[in-house]
C-alpha atoms as a PDB file:
ATOM      1  CA  MET A   1      -0.251   0.100   0.028  1.00  0.00           C
ATOM      2  CA  THR A   2       1.133   3.641  -0.781  1.00  0.00           C
ATOM      3  CA  PHE A   3       0.161   6.259   1.516  1.00  0.00           C
ATOM      4  CA  ALA A   4       1.287   9.567  -0.278  1.00  0.00           C
ATOM      5  CA  ARG A   5       1.013  12.800   1.358  1.00  0.00           C
ATOM      6  CA  ASN A   6       2.008  15.260  -1.295  1.00  0.00           C
ATOM      7  CA  LEU A   7       0.566  14.832  -4.434  1.00  0.00           C
ATOM      8  CA  ILE A   8      -0.858  18.006  -4.972  1.00  0.00           C
ATOM      9  CA  VAL A   9       1.671  21.137  -6.215  1.00  0.00           C
ATOM     10  CA  GLY A  10      -0.852  23.942  -6.846  1.00  0.00           C
ATOM     11  CA  PHE A  11      -0.709  23.384 -10.840  1.00  0.00           C
ATOM     12  CA  PHE A  12      -4.025  25.522 -11.598  1.00  0.00           C
ATOM     13  CA  ILE A  13      -2.651  28.715  -9.783  1.00  0.00           C
ATOM     14  CA  THR A  14      -0.147  28.799 -12.009  1.00  0.00           C
ATOM     15  CA  ASN A  15      -1.876  27.505 -15.342  1.00  0.00           C
ATOM     16  CA  SER A  16      -5.045  29.381 -15.212  1.00  0.00           C
ATOM     17  CA  VAL A  17      -4.130  31.200 -17.723  1.00  0.00           C
ATOM     18  CA  LEU A  18      -3.983  28.454 -20.179  1.00  0.00           C
ATOM     19  CA  PHE A  19      -7.195  27.016 -19.249  1.00  0.00           C
ATOM     20  CA  ALA A  20      -9.187  30.252 -19.251  1.00  0.00           C
ATOM     21  CA  SER A  21      -7.992  31.568 -22.638  1.00  0.00           C
ATOM     22  CA  ASP A  22      -8.303  27.603 -24.112  1.00  0.00           C
ATOM     23  CA  VAL A  23     -10.946  27.210 -26.722  1.00  0.00           C
ATOM     24  CA  HIS A  24     -11.754  23.510 -25.878  1.00  0.00           C
ATOM     25  CA  PHE A  25     -12.336  24.482 -22.276  1.00  0.00           C
ATOM     26  CA  ASN A  26     -14.353  27.308 -23.161  1.00  0.00           C
ATOM     27  CA  ASP A  27     -16.484  24.972 -25.077  1.00  0.00           C
ATOM     28  CA  LEU A  28     -16.959  22.781 -22.201  1.00  0.00           C
ATOM     29  CA  LEU A  29     -18.307  25.654 -20.135  1.00  0.00           C
ATOM     30  CA  LYS A  30     -21.330  25.717 -22.290  1.00  0.00           C
ATOM     31  CA  CYS A  31     -22.389  22.176 -20.569  1.00  0.00           C
ATOM     32  CA  ASN A  32     -24.308  23.947 -18.091  1.00  0.00           C
ATOM     33  CA  LEU A  33     -28.353  22.911 -17.601  1.00  0.00           C
ATOM     34  CA  ARG A  34     -28.886  26.803 -16.798  1.00  0.00           C
ATOM     35  CA  HIS A  35     -26.636  28.751 -18.796  1.00  0.00           C
ATOM     36  CA  ASP A  36     -25.519  28.404 -22.550  1.00  0.00           C
ATOM     37  CA  ASP A  37     -22.338  29.729 -21.914  1.00  0.00           C
ATOM     38  CA  VAL A  38     -20.780  30.183 -18.245  1.00  0.00           C
ATOM     39  CA  SER A  39     -17.614  31.800 -19.741  1.00  0.00           C
ATOM     40  CA  SER A  40     -19.388  34.958 -20.860  1.00  0.00           C
ATOM     41  CA  LEU A  41     -20.662  35.528 -17.504  1.00  0.00           C
ATOM     42  CA  CYS A  42     -17.620  35.557 -14.889  1.00  0.00           C
ATOM     43  CA  ASP A  43     -14.153  35.747 -14.458  1.00  0.00           C
ATOM     44  CA  VAL A  44     -12.974  32.313 -15.457  1.00  0.00           C
ATOM     45  CA  GLN A  45      -9.446  32.663 -14.393  1.00  0.00           C
ATOM     46  CA  GLN A  46     -10.606  34.355 -11.124  1.00  0.00           C
ATOM     47  CA  GLU A  47     -12.883  31.329 -10.418  1.00  0.00           C
ATOM     48  CA  ILE A  48     -10.225  28.731 -10.739  1.00  0.00           C
ATOM     49  CA  HIS A  49      -7.963  31.030  -8.766  1.00  0.00           C
ATOM     50  CA  LEU A  50     -10.497  31.137  -5.703  1.00  0.00           C
ATOM     51  CA  TYR A  51     -11.273  27.163  -6.088  1.00  0.00           C
ATOM     52  CA  ASN A  52      -7.269  26.222  -5.901  1.00  0.00           C
ATOM     53  CA  GLN A  53      -6.580  28.765  -2.987  1.00  0.00           C
ATOM     54  CA  ALA A  54      -9.463  26.875  -0.761  1.00  0.00           C
ATOM     55  CA  LEU A  55      -8.136  23.585  -1.975  1.00  0.00           C
ATOM     56  CA  GLN A  56      -4.623  24.504  -0.496  1.00  0.00           C
ATOM     57  CA  ASN A  57      -5.578  25.293   2.833  1.00  0.00           C
ATOM     58  CA  GLU A  58      -8.387  22.162   2.768  1.00  0.00           C
ATOM     59  CA  SER A  59     -11.268  24.988   3.639  1.00  0.00           C
ATOM     60  CA  ASN A  60     -13.111  23.471   0.629  1.00  0.00           C
ATOM     61  CA  TYR A  61     -14.745  20.831   2.240  1.00  0.00           C
ATOM     62  CA  GLU A  62     -15.961  20.389   5.846  1.00  0.00           C
ATOM     63  CA  SER A  63     -13.991  17.034   7.113  1.00  0.00           C
ATOM     64  CA  MET A  64     -15.471  14.004   9.333  1.00  0.00           C
ATOM     65  CA  PRO A  65     -14.176  14.518  12.733  1.00  0.00           C
ATOM     66  CA  LYS A  66     -13.707  11.014  13.551  1.00  0.00           C
ATOM     67  CA  LEU A  67     -14.367   7.138  11.993  1.00  0.00           C
ATOM     68  CA  GLU A  68     -17.283   6.357  13.887  1.00  0.00           C
ATOM     69  CA  GLN A  69     -19.250   9.399  12.085  1.00  0.00           C
ATOM     70  CA  TRP A  70     -19.106   7.505   8.711  1.00  0.00           C
ATOM     71  CA  VAL A  71     -21.648   5.273  10.310  1.00  0.00           C
ATOM     72  CA  ASP A  72     -25.164   5.682  10.363  1.00  0.00           C
ATOM     73  CA  ASP A  73     -28.418   3.937  10.260  1.00  0.00           C
ATOM     74  CA  TYR A  74     -30.180   7.067   7.640  1.00  0.00           C
ATOM     75  CA  PHE A  75     -27.029   8.048   5.763  1.00  0.00           C
ATOM     76  CA  TYR A  76     -24.640   5.603   6.089  1.00  0.00           C
ATOM     77  CA  PRO A  77     -25.782   2.186   6.753  1.00  0.00           C
ATOM     78  CA  GLN A  78     -23.663  -0.691   7.391  1.00  0.00           C
ATOM     79  CA  TYR A  79     -22.924  -3.359   4.830  1.00  0.00           C
ATOM     80  CA  PRO A  80     -24.170  -5.332   3.459  1.00  0.00           C
ATOM     81  CA  ASN A  81     -27.062  -2.806   3.493  1.00  0.00           C
ATOM     82  CA  LEU A  82     -26.444   0.118   1.708  1.00  0.00           C
ATOM     83  CA  HIS A  83     -27.309   3.506   0.614  1.00  0.00           C
ATOM     84  CA  VAL A  84     -28.562   3.507  -2.911  1.00  0.00           C
ATOM     85  CA  ASN A  85     -25.844   5.727  -4.262  1.00  0.00           C
ATOM     86  CA  ASN A  86     -23.535   3.239  -3.152  1.00  0.00           C
ATOM     87  CA  GLN A  87     -25.416   0.147  -4.312  1.00  0.00           C
ATOM     88  CA  LEU A  88     -25.552   1.817  -7.684  1.00  0.00           C
ATOM     89  CA  ILE A  89     -21.377   1.531  -8.215  1.00  0.00           C
ATOM     90  CA  LEU A  90     -21.507  -1.864  -6.768  1.00  0.00           C
ATOM     91  CA  ASP A  91     -23.763  -3.182  -9.250  1.00  0.00           C
ATOM     92  CA  ALA A  92     -22.190  -1.417 -12.206  1.00  0.00           C
ATOM     93  CA  ILE A  93     -18.804  -3.085 -11.397  1.00  0.00           C
ATOM     94  CA  LYS A  94     -20.301  -6.245 -11.253  1.00  0.00           C
ATOM     95  CA  GLU A  95     -21.609  -5.681 -15.215  1.00  0.00           C
ATOM     96  CA  LEU A  96     -17.951  -4.346 -16.039  1.00  0.00           C
ATOM     97  CA  ASN A  97     -14.897  -6.130 -17.148  1.00  0.00           C
ATOM     98  CA  LEU A  98     -12.229  -4.337 -14.813  1.00  0.00           C
ATOM     99  CA  THR A  99      -8.871  -5.120 -12.836  1.00  0.00           C
ATOM    100  CA  SER A 100      -8.494  -1.912 -11.944  1.00  0.00           C
ATOM    101  CA  VAL A 101     -10.588   0.821  -9.986  1.00  0.00           C
ATOM    102  CA  CYS A 102      -9.847   4.336  -8.964  1.00  0.00           C
ATOM    103  CA  GLU A 103     -12.082   6.547  -6.590  1.00  0.00           C
ATOM    104  CA  ILE A 104     -11.173  10.331  -6.359  1.00  0.00           C
ATOM    105  CA  GLY A 105     -12.952  12.039  -3.012  1.00  0.00           C
ATOM    106  CA  ALA A 106     -12.853   8.636  -1.288  1.00  0.00           C
ATOM    107  CA  GLY A 107     -13.313  10.256   2.181  1.00  0.00           C
ATOM    108  CA  ALA A 108     -12.797   7.450   4.596  1.00  0.00           C
ATOM    109  CA  GLY A 109     -12.895   4.482   1.962  1.00  0.00           C
ATOM    110  CA  LYS A 110     -16.522   2.914   2.794  1.00  0.00           C
ATOM    111  CA  ILE A 111     -16.925   2.505  -1.064  1.00  0.00           C
ATOM    112  CA  CYS A 112     -13.994   0.921  -1.907  1.00  0.00           C
ATOM    113  CA  LYS A 113     -14.140  -1.275   1.049  1.00  0.00           C
ATOM    114  CA  TYR A 114     -17.337  -2.421  -0.037  1.00  0.00           C
ATOM    115  CA  ILE A 115     -15.819  -2.805  -3.716  1.00  0.00           C
ATOM    116  CA  TYR A 116     -12.745  -5.188  -2.290  1.00  0.00           C
ATOM    117  CA  ALA A 117     -15.178  -7.050  -0.102  1.00  0.00           C
ATOM    118  CA  GLU A 118     -17.047  -8.148  -3.485  1.00  0.00           C
ATOM    119  CA  ASN A 119     -14.133  -7.952  -5.995  1.00  0.00           C
ATOM    120  CA  PRO A 120     -10.862  -9.135  -4.057  1.00  0.00           C
ATOM    121  CA  HIS A 121      -9.236  -9.187  -7.950  1.00  0.00           C
ATOM    122  CA  LEU A 122      -9.331  -5.903  -8.595  1.00  0.00           C
ATOM    123  CA  ALA A 123      -6.711  -3.038  -7.786  1.00  0.00           C
ATOM    124  CA  ILE A 124      -7.831  -0.168  -5.613  1.00  0.00           C
ATOM    125  CA  THR A 125      -6.742   3.291  -5.532  1.00  0.00           C
ATOM    126  CA  CYS A 126      -8.443   5.667  -3.449  1.00  0.00           C
ATOM    127  CA  ILE A 127      -7.338   9.372  -3.974  1.00  0.00           C
ATOM    128  CA  GLU A 128      -8.492  12.001  -1.188  1.00  0.00           C
ATOM    129  CA  HIS A 129      -7.363  15.406  -0.570  1.00  0.00           C
ATOM    130  CA  ASN A 130      -8.482  15.663   2.933  1.00  0.00           C
ATOM    131  CA  SER A 131      -5.409  15.284   5.525  1.00  0.00           C
ATOM    132  CA  ARG A 132      -8.425  14.141   8.547  1.00  0.00           C
ATOM    133  CA  HIS A 133      -9.956  11.732   6.027  1.00  0.00           C
ATOM    134  CA  LEU A 134      -6.636  10.362   4.873  1.00  0.00           C
ATOM    135  CA  GLN A 135      -6.089   9.022   8.307  1.00  0.00           C
ATOM    136  CA  GLN A 136      -9.463   7.577   8.729  1.00  0.00           C
ATOM    137  CA  MET A 137      -8.888   5.766   5.682  1.00  0.00           C
ATOM    138  CA  GLU A 138      -5.538   4.077   7.073  1.00  0.00           C
ATOM    139  CA  GLU A 139      -7.805   3.387   9.980  1.00  0.00           C
ATOM    140  CA  ASN A 140     -10.659   2.084   7.865  1.00  0.00           C
ATOM    141  CA  PHE A 141      -8.559  -0.387   5.731  1.00  0.00           C
ATOM    142  CA  HIS A 142      -5.733  -1.340   8.424  1.00  0.00           C
ATOM    143  CA  THR A 143      -5.851  -0.469  12.185  1.00  0.00           C
ATOM    144  CA  ARG A 144      -9.715  -0.231  12.649  1.00  0.00           C
ATOM    145  CA  PRO A 145     -11.286  -1.896   9.947  1.00  0.00           C
ATOM    146  CA  HIS A 146     -14.213  -3.381  12.903  1.00  0.00           C
ATOM    147  CA  VAL A 147     -15.810   0.313  12.725  1.00  0.00           C
ATOM    148  CA  ILE A 148     -17.013   0.133   9.026  1.00  0.00           C
ATOM    149  CA  LEU A 149     -18.233  -3.412   8.087  1.00  0.00           C
ATOM    150  CA  PRO A 150     -17.078  -5.581   6.545  1.00  0.00           C
ATOM    151  CA  ASN A 151     -14.288  -5.934   9.030  1.00  0.00           C
ATOM    152  CA  ILE A 152     -11.605  -6.776   6.738  1.00  0.00           C
ATOM    153  CA  SER A 153      -8.260  -4.967   5.483  1.00  0.00           C
ATOM    154  CA  VAL A 154      -8.301  -3.795   1.985  1.00  0.00           C
ATOM    155  CA  PRO A 155      -4.843  -3.563   0.039  1.00  0.00           C
ATOM    156  CA  ALA A 156      -5.687  -0.327  -1.332  1.00  0.00           C
ATOM    157  CA  THR A 157      -3.239   2.232  -3.146  1.00  0.00           C
ATOM    158  CA  ILE A 158      -4.028   5.553  -1.219  1.00  0.00           C
ATOM    159  CA  LEU A 159      -2.984   8.659  -2.670  1.00  0.00           C
ATOM    160  CA  LYS A 160      -3.128  12.358  -1.374  1.00  0.00           C
ATOM    161  CA  GLY A 161      -4.659  14.495  -4.519  1.00  0.00           C
ATOM    162  CA  ALA A 162      -7.818  16.530  -5.264  1.00  0.00           C
ATOM    163  CA  LEU A 163      -9.603  17.342  -8.526  1.00  0.00           C
ATOM    164  CA  PRO A 164      -9.310  19.096 -10.634  1.00  0.00           C
ATOM    165  CA  ASP A 165      -5.296  18.502 -10.588  1.00  0.00           C
ATOM    166  CA  LEU A 166      -3.998  15.063 -10.445  1.00  0.00           C
ATOM    167  CA  HIS A 167      -1.407  15.631 -13.041  1.00  0.00           C
ATOM    168  CA  SER A 168       1.141  13.542 -11.382  1.00  0.00           C
ATOM    169  CA  ILE A 169      -1.116  10.345 -12.644  1.00  0.00           C
ATOM    170  CA  PRO A 170      -0.087   9.199 -16.247  1.00  0.00           C
ATOM    171  CA  ALA A 171      -3.022   9.090 -18.388  1.00  0.00           C
ATOM    172  CA  ASP A 172      -5.020   6.031 -18.889  1.00  0.00           C
ATOM    173  CA  THR A 173      -4.286   4.669 -15.547  1.00  0.00           C
ATOM    174  CA  PHE A 174      -7.353   3.000 -14.349  1.00  0.00           C
ATOM    175  CA  ASP A 175     -10.138   0.872 -16.184  1.00  0.00           C
ATOM    176  CA  LEU A 176     -12.788   2.869 -14.145  1.00  0.00           C
ATOM    177  CA  VAL A 177     -12.759   6.174 -12.357  1.00  0.00           C
ATOM    178  CA  PHE A 178     -15.512   7.210 -10.142  1.00  0.00           C
ATOM    179  CA  THR A 179     -16.745   9.604  -7.814  1.00  0.00           C
ATOM    180  CA  CYS A 180     -19.724   9.099  -5.658  1.00  0.00           C
ATOM    181  CA  THR A 181     -21.218  12.626  -4.210  1.00  0.00           C
ATOM    182  CA  VAL A 182     -18.108  14.476  -4.709  1.00  0.00           C
ATOM    183  CA  MET A 183     -18.480  16.392  -8.203  1.00  0.00           C
ATOM    184  CA  MET A 184     -21.647  17.883  -6.783  1.00  0.00           C
ATOM    185  CA  HIS A 185     -19.495  19.561  -4.014  1.00  0.00           C
ATOM    186  CA  ILE A 186     -17.368  21.362  -6.727  1.00  0.00           C
ATOM    187  CA  PRO A 187     -18.416  24.489  -8.522  1.00  0.00           C
ATOM    188  CA  PHE A 188     -19.274  24.731 -12.170  1.00  0.00           C
ATOM    189  CA  ILE A 189     -16.172  25.780 -13.694  1.00  0.00           C
ATOM    190  CA  PRO A 190     -13.177  23.678 -11.644  1.00  0.00           C
ATOM    191  CA  ALA A 191     -16.297  20.602 -11.929  1.00  0.00           C
ATOM    192  CA  VAL A 192     -15.395  20.849 -15.888  1.00  0.00           C
ATOM    193  CA  GLN A 193     -12.075  20.889 -15.394  1.00  0.00           C
ATOM    194  CA  SER A 194     -12.231  17.688 -12.970  1.00  0.00           C
ATOM    195  CA  ALA A 195     -14.438  16.058 -15.511  1.00  0.00           C
ATOM    196  CA  MET A 196     -11.405  16.553 -17.909  1.00  0.00           C
ATOM    197  CA  GLU A 197      -9.136  15.040 -15.765  1.00  0.00           C
ATOM    198  CA  ILE A 198     -11.255  11.912 -15.206  1.00  0.00           C
ATOM    199  CA  ALA A 199     -11.287  11.328 -18.837  1.00  0.00           C
ATOM    200  CA  ARG A 200      -7.617  11.596 -18.891  1.00  0.00           C
ATOM    201  CA  LEU A 201      -6.951   9.138 -16.086  1.00  0.00           C
ATOM    202  CA  SER A 202      -9.389   6.817 -17.064  1.00  0.00           C
ATOM    203  CA  LYS A 203      -8.757   3.851 -19.753  1.00  0.00           C
ATOM    204  CA  LYS A 204     -12.191   2.857 -20.664  1.00  0.00           C
ATOM    205  CA  TYR A 205     -14.927   3.826 -17.985  1.00  0.00           C
ATOM    206  CA  ILE A 206     -16.357   6.766 -15.804  1.00  0.00           C
ATOM    207  CA  ILE A 207     -19.169   6.508 -13.232  1.00  0.00           C
ATOM    208  CA  HIS A 208     -20.589   9.445 -11.510  1.00  0.00           C
ATOM    209  CA  VAL A 209     -23.217   9.526  -8.934  1.00  0.00           C
ATOM    210  CA  GLU A 210     -24.160  12.661  -7.808  1.00  0.00           C
ATOM    211  CA  ASN A 211     -26.786  15.286  -6.808  1.00  0.00           C
ATOM    212  CA  LYS A 212     -28.081  17.032 -10.201  1.00  0.00           C
ATOM    213  CA  ASN A 213     -27.762  20.188  -8.585  1.00  0.00           C
ATOM    214  CA  PHE A 214     -30.425  21.883 -10.934  1.00  0.00           C
ATOM    215  CA  GLY A 215     -31.038  25.610  -9.504  1.00  0.00           C
ATOM    216  CA  THR A 216     -29.377  28.617  -7.421  1.00  0.00           C
ATOM    217  CA  GLU A 217     -30.952  26.777  -4.434  1.00  0.00           C
ATOM    218  CA  TRP A 218     -28.055  23.758  -4.867  1.00  0.00           C
ATOM    219  CA  TYR A 219     -25.401  26.568  -5.209  1.00  0.00           C
ATOM    220  CA  ASP A 220     -26.082  27.385  -1.698  1.00  0.00           C
ATOM    221  CA  MET A 221     -26.725  24.055  -0.299  1.00  0.00           C
ATOM    222  CA  THR A 222     -23.841  21.888  -1.827  1.00  0.00           C
ATOM    223  CA  ILE A 223     -21.034  24.038  -3.373  1.00  0.00           C
ATOM    224  CA  VAL A 224     -18.336  24.468  -1.543  1.00  0.00           C
ATOM    225  CA  LYS A 225     -17.330  27.733  -0.027  1.00  0.00           C
ATOM    226  CA  PRO A 226     -15.295  30.444  -0.407  1.00  0.00           C
ATOM    227  CA  ALA A 227     -14.772  28.515  -3.326  1.00  0.00           C
ATOM    228  CA  SER A 228     -16.597  30.796  -5.796  1.00  0.00           C
ATOM    229  CA  MET A 229     -17.592  33.891  -5.400  1.00  0.00           C
ATOM    230  CA  SER A 230     -19.815  34.120  -7.927  1.00  0.00           C
ATOM    231  CA  PRO A 231     -23.373  32.803  -8.370  1.00  0.00           C
ATOM    232  CA  ILE A 232     -23.146  31.773 -11.764  1.00  0.00           C
ATOM    233  CA  ASN A 233     -20.228  29.213 -10.910  1.00  0.00           C
ATOM    234  CA  TYR A 234     -22.775  26.512  -9.449  1.00  0.00           C
ATOM    235  CA  GLN A 235     -23.458  22.669 -10.490  1.00  0.00           C
ATOM    236  CA  GLY A 236     -25.711  22.255 -13.241  1.00  0.00           C
ATOM    237  CA  ILE A 237     -23.684  19.935 -15.314  1.00  0.00           C
ATOM    238  CA  ASP A 238     -25.022  18.176 -18.235  1.00  0.00           C
ATOM    239  CA  TYR A 239     -22.794  15.356 -17.552  1.00  0.00           C
ATOM    240  CA  VAL A 240     -23.845  13.684 -21.328  1.00  0.00           C
ATOM    241  CA  LYS A 241     -23.028  16.651 -23.072  1.00  0.00           C
ATOM    242  CA  LEU A 242     -19.866  17.109 -21.213  1.00  0.00           C
ATOM    243  CA  TYR A 243     -18.619  13.851 -21.434  1.00  0.00           C
ATOM    244  CA  GLU A 244     -19.397  13.427 -25.068  1.00  0.00           C
ATOM    245  CA  LYS A 245     -17.224  16.312 -25.948  1.00  0.00           C
ATOM    246  CA  LEU A 246     -14.739  14.585 -24.124  1.00  0.00           C
ATOM    247  CA  GLY A 247     -14.641  11.637 -26.434  1.00  0.00           C
ATOM    248  CA  VAL A 248     -16.626   9.265 -23.963  1.00  0.00           C
ATOM    249  CA  LYS A 249     -19.806   7.512 -25.112  1.00  0.00           C
ATOM    250  CA  THR A 250     -22.949   7.244 -22.786  1.00  0.00           C
ATOM    251  CA  LEU A 251     -23.610   3.755 -21.668  1.00  0.00           C
ATOM    252  CA  LYS A 252     -26.100   4.473 -19.307  1.00  0.00           C
ATOM    253  CA  TYR A 253     -27.979   7.813 -17.610  1.00  0.00           C
ATOM    254  CA  PHE A 254     -31.160   8.357 -15.025  1.00  0.00           C
ATOM    255  CA  GLU A 255     -32.141  10.449 -12.404  1.00  0.00           C
ATOM    256  CA  TYR A 256     -33.335   8.906  -9.104  1.00  0.00           C
ATOM    257  CA  LYS A 257     -34.732  10.499  -5.777  1.00  0.00           C
ATOM    258  CA  ASP A 258     -32.228   9.723  -2.764  1.00  0.00           C
ATOM    259  CA  PRO A 259     -34.453   8.825  -0.081  1.00  0.00           C
ATOM    260  CA  CYS A 260     -32.490  10.532   2.380  1.00  0.00           C
ATOM    261  CA  THR A 261     -31.906  13.918   1.077  1.00  0.00           C
ATOM    262  CA  PRO A 262     -34.091  16.377  -1.074  1.00  0.00           C
ATOM    263  CA  GLY A 263     -33.135  16.721  -4.774  1.00  0.00           C
ATOM    264  CA  THR A 264     -32.645  14.901  -7.892  1.00  0.00           C
ATOM    265  CA  PHE A 265     -29.616  12.476  -8.064  1.00  0.00           C
ATOM    266  CA  ILE A 266     -27.918  10.976 -11.420  1.00  0.00           C
ATOM    267  CA  PHE A 267     -26.236   8.257 -12.515  1.00  0.00           C
ATOM    268  CA  TYR A 268     -23.756   8.195 -15.133  1.00  0.00           C
ATOM    269  CA  LEU A 269     -21.803   5.716 -16.700  1.00  0.00           C
ATOM    270  CA  GLY A 270     -19.559   6.544 -19.755  1.00  0.00           C
ATOM    271  CA  GLU A 271     -17.157   4.233 -22.122  1.00  0.00           C
ATOM    272  CA  LYS A 272     -14.024   6.203 -23.616  1.00  0.00           C
ATOM    273  CA  SER A 273     -13.576   5.743 -27.462  1.00  0.00           C
END
């Protein structure tokens, strides 16, 4: 197992001009459910800079104080009685021919633990930026595996890193790259960058399970702050349109209601051409 703590090096502050002026990137910013062209409504370079600042000091997302708080009968039921968001990913993996899986924004590694329990042949990589969650993942996989069921050790590779910048990892590294309720917390502009990075890292498949975040009320509820100062820069990603522009074919897309939270969730499965 690798426990790397220094993967992110602030790439997007120094290269934000490149992305803000890139024609292809600006075309991707048209994949918003509310606005035809986000790049014409706010300062894209400034939004990227603000998000990167929040990322560096880990102020972009509140962490769980301890491992035990990842277990809850309502939001976080114990294996094998999983939340629908987690079960959708496990069901999809059963239908795919995979040897390697990467979760970005893995938290304490709950989903990857479930995946390994049912697919012990898979090489699993967990990427997480929050220092506290990285320590909790180490506990969950090795030193305190009994807290989150199943009570097993997981020989996963653990990397410190965060979307949208994982440039230290080579392209086409993993058969499947997935996120579960992670992209929904990233403002729209860096979320588009994140999709670009996910498409680069995936050798074949991409899965997202996320809140659709359709409307300004979801900006207030789910988008990390102070990541974006512009109310335009909320979610509302058209995942199908975005990934098709990135050369990814949609295999499955549907919307559903999360029984535990308000709003509409989406399941997306894509395959690189």
